Protein backbone atom coordinates (compact mmCIF):
# COMPACT_ATOMS: atom_id res chain seq x y z
CA UNK A 1 127.40 97.97 116.01
CA UNK A 2 130.19 95.70 114.83
CA UNK A 3 130.46 96.31 111.09
CA UNK A 4 133.14 93.62 110.67
CA UNK A 5 130.72 90.95 111.88
CA UNK A 6 128.07 92.21 109.44
CA UNK A 7 130.59 91.99 106.59
CA UNK A 8 131.60 88.48 107.68
CA UNK A 9 127.96 87.41 107.88
CA UNK A 10 127.34 88.78 104.39
CA UNK A 11 130.39 86.92 103.03
CA UNK A 12 129.24 83.71 104.69
CA UNK A 13 125.68 83.98 103.35
CA UNK A 14 126.32 85.33 99.83
CA UNK A 15 129.93 84.10 99.24
CA UNK A 16 131.17 87.59 98.36
CA UNK A 17 131.96 90.89 100.07
CA UNK A 18 129.27 93.57 100.30
CA UNK A 19 129.79 96.70 98.22
CA UNK A 20 127.86 98.95 100.61
CA UNK A 21 126.73 99.24 104.21
CA UNK A 22 123.84 101.59 104.91
CA UNK A 23 122.60 102.50 108.35
CA UNK A 24 119.76 104.36 110.00
CA UNK A 25 119.53 105.32 113.67
CA UNK A 26 116.70 104.71 116.05
CA UNK A 27 115.15 107.78 117.62
CA UNK A 28 113.42 108.99 120.70
CA UNK A 29 110.76 111.70 120.87
CA UNK A 30 111.67 114.26 123.51
CA UNK A 31 108.20 115.80 123.16
CA UNK A 32 105.21 115.04 120.98
CA UNK A 33 104.86 111.27 121.25
CA UNK A 34 102.08 110.05 118.88
CA UNK A 35 101.39 113.52 117.51
CA UNK A 36 103.65 113.35 114.44
CA UNK A 37 101.13 111.35 112.40
CA UNK A 38 98.34 113.76 113.43
CA UNK A 39 100.08 116.88 112.08
CA UNK A 40 101.30 117.76 115.57
CA UNK A 41 104.69 119.04 116.64
CA UNK A 42 107.47 116.73 117.75
CA UNK A 43 111.05 117.03 118.88
CA UNK A 44 112.76 113.75 117.95
CA UNK A 45 116.41 112.93 118.49
CA UNK A 46 118.58 110.21 116.94
CA UNK A 47 120.03 107.69 119.37
CA UNK A 48 123.18 105.59 119.38
CA UNK A 49 121.35 102.43 118.25
CA UNK A 50 120.94 101.60 114.57
CA UNK A 51 119.76 99.26 111.83
CA UNK A 52 122.36 98.30 109.20
CA UNK A 53 122.10 96.61 105.83
CA UNK A 54 125.19 95.23 104.11
CA UNK A 55 124.35 94.84 100.44
CA UNK A 56 125.28 94.27 96.85
CA UNK A 57 123.11 95.78 94.12
CA UNK A 58 121.56 93.44 91.55
CA UNK A 59 120.74 94.06 87.89
CA UNK A 60 117.25 92.60 88.24
CA UNK A 61 114.21 93.28 90.43
CA UNK A 62 114.84 90.58 93.06
CA UNK A 63 115.43 91.42 96.71
CA UNK A 64 117.18 88.75 98.78
CA UNK A 65 117.37 89.86 102.39
CA UNK A 66 118.50 87.85 105.42
CA UNK A 67 117.73 89.05 108.95
CA UNK A 68 120.59 88.21 111.31
CA UNK A 69 118.43 89.00 114.33
CA UNK A 70 115.45 86.86 113.31
CA UNK A 71 117.53 84.18 111.53
CA UNK A 72 115.17 84.17 108.57
CA UNK A 73 115.26 85.33 104.98
CA UNK A 74 112.93 87.01 102.56
CA UNK A 75 113.00 86.89 98.78
CA UNK A 76 110.63 89.01 96.74
CA UNK A 77 110.32 90.64 93.34
CA UNK A 78 109.76 94.37 93.03
CA UNK A 79 107.05 93.77 90.39
CA UNK A 80 105.05 91.27 92.45
CA UNK A 81 104.93 92.66 95.97
CA UNK A 82 102.45 90.98 98.30
CA UNK A 83 101.08 92.12 101.67
CA UNK A 84 102.91 90.52 104.57
CA UNK A 85 102.49 90.32 108.33
CA UNK A 86 106.16 89.47 108.73
CA UNK A 87 109.25 91.65 109.16
CA UNK A 88 109.65 91.91 105.38
CA UNK A 89 106.50 94.05 105.20
CA UNK A 90 108.73 97.04 105.96
CA UNK A 91 111.18 96.58 103.05
CA UNK A 92 108.31 95.65 100.72
CA UNK A 93 106.34 98.72 101.80
CA UNK A 94 109.33 100.98 101.12
CA UNK A 95 109.78 99.42 97.68
CA UNK A 96 106.08 99.83 96.92
CA UNK A 97 106.06 103.52 97.87
CA UNK A 98 109.24 104.28 95.90
CA UNK A 99 107.80 102.59 92.81
CA UNK A 100 104.48 104.45 93.21
CA UNK A 101 106.43 107.72 93.45
CA UNK A 102 108.08 106.98 90.11
CA UNK A 103 111.54 105.90 91.24
CA UNK A 104 113.25 103.23 89.15
CA UNK A 105 114.76 100.88 91.68
CA UNK A 106 116.64 97.62 91.29
CA UNK A 107 117.05 94.62 93.54
CA UNK A 108 119.82 93.84 95.97
CA UNK A 109 121.24 91.05 98.10
CA UNK A 110 121.42 92.11 101.73
CA UNK A 111 121.99 91.20 105.34
CA UNK A 112 119.99 93.28 107.82
CA UNK A 113 120.68 93.61 111.53
CA UNK A 114 120.23 96.14 114.26
CA UNK A 115 120.49 96.95 117.93
CA UNK A 116 117.42 99.21 118.22
CA UNK A 117 115.18 97.44 120.76
CA UNK A 118 111.88 96.38 119.19
CA UNK A 119 108.70 97.60 120.85
CA UNK A 120 110.52 100.09 123.07
CA UNK A 121 109.28 103.27 121.39
CA UNK A 122 112.66 103.88 119.73
CA UNK A 123 111.42 103.65 116.13
CA UNK A 124 113.05 100.35 115.20
CA UNK A 125 110.59 99.89 112.31
CA UNK A 126 111.29 103.41 111.03
CA UNK A 127 115.02 102.63 111.15
CA UNK A 128 114.39 99.49 109.05
CA UNK A 129 112.41 101.56 106.54
CA UNK A 130 115.03 104.31 106.31
CA UNK A 131 117.91 101.85 105.94
CA UNK A 132 115.93 100.05 103.21
CA UNK A 133 115.30 103.36 101.43
CA UNK A 134 119.02 104.09 101.51
CA UNK A 135 119.74 100.58 100.16
CA UNK A 136 117.73 101.34 97.02
């Protein structure tokens, strides 16, 4: 992953430098595919592919997130989350669960990108969720 290009993309989109870059790796299950959510045993391993979010925290509850890979943005408020069938369902779902668990989270401006292949069984959606959790 080229972090310099993520920083440059953030600067181009938000007209400032990001304060943080968070990352989360994809993973592969060596054994136990599809048993983890049925209380089974698994042996996962992180891989050398990742999802990254360059971000600046905000003082309000607004999330502004641009996907470099999909060339689309998402803007939502932490107090008015709505179900989505789009890629932003993952960040919204993370926010919803953190709020339900009692965490006080704030918004952020972010650029998200990754090189974990989608639909390849390498947990690209889990990497998006973990990177989003770290962003909060």
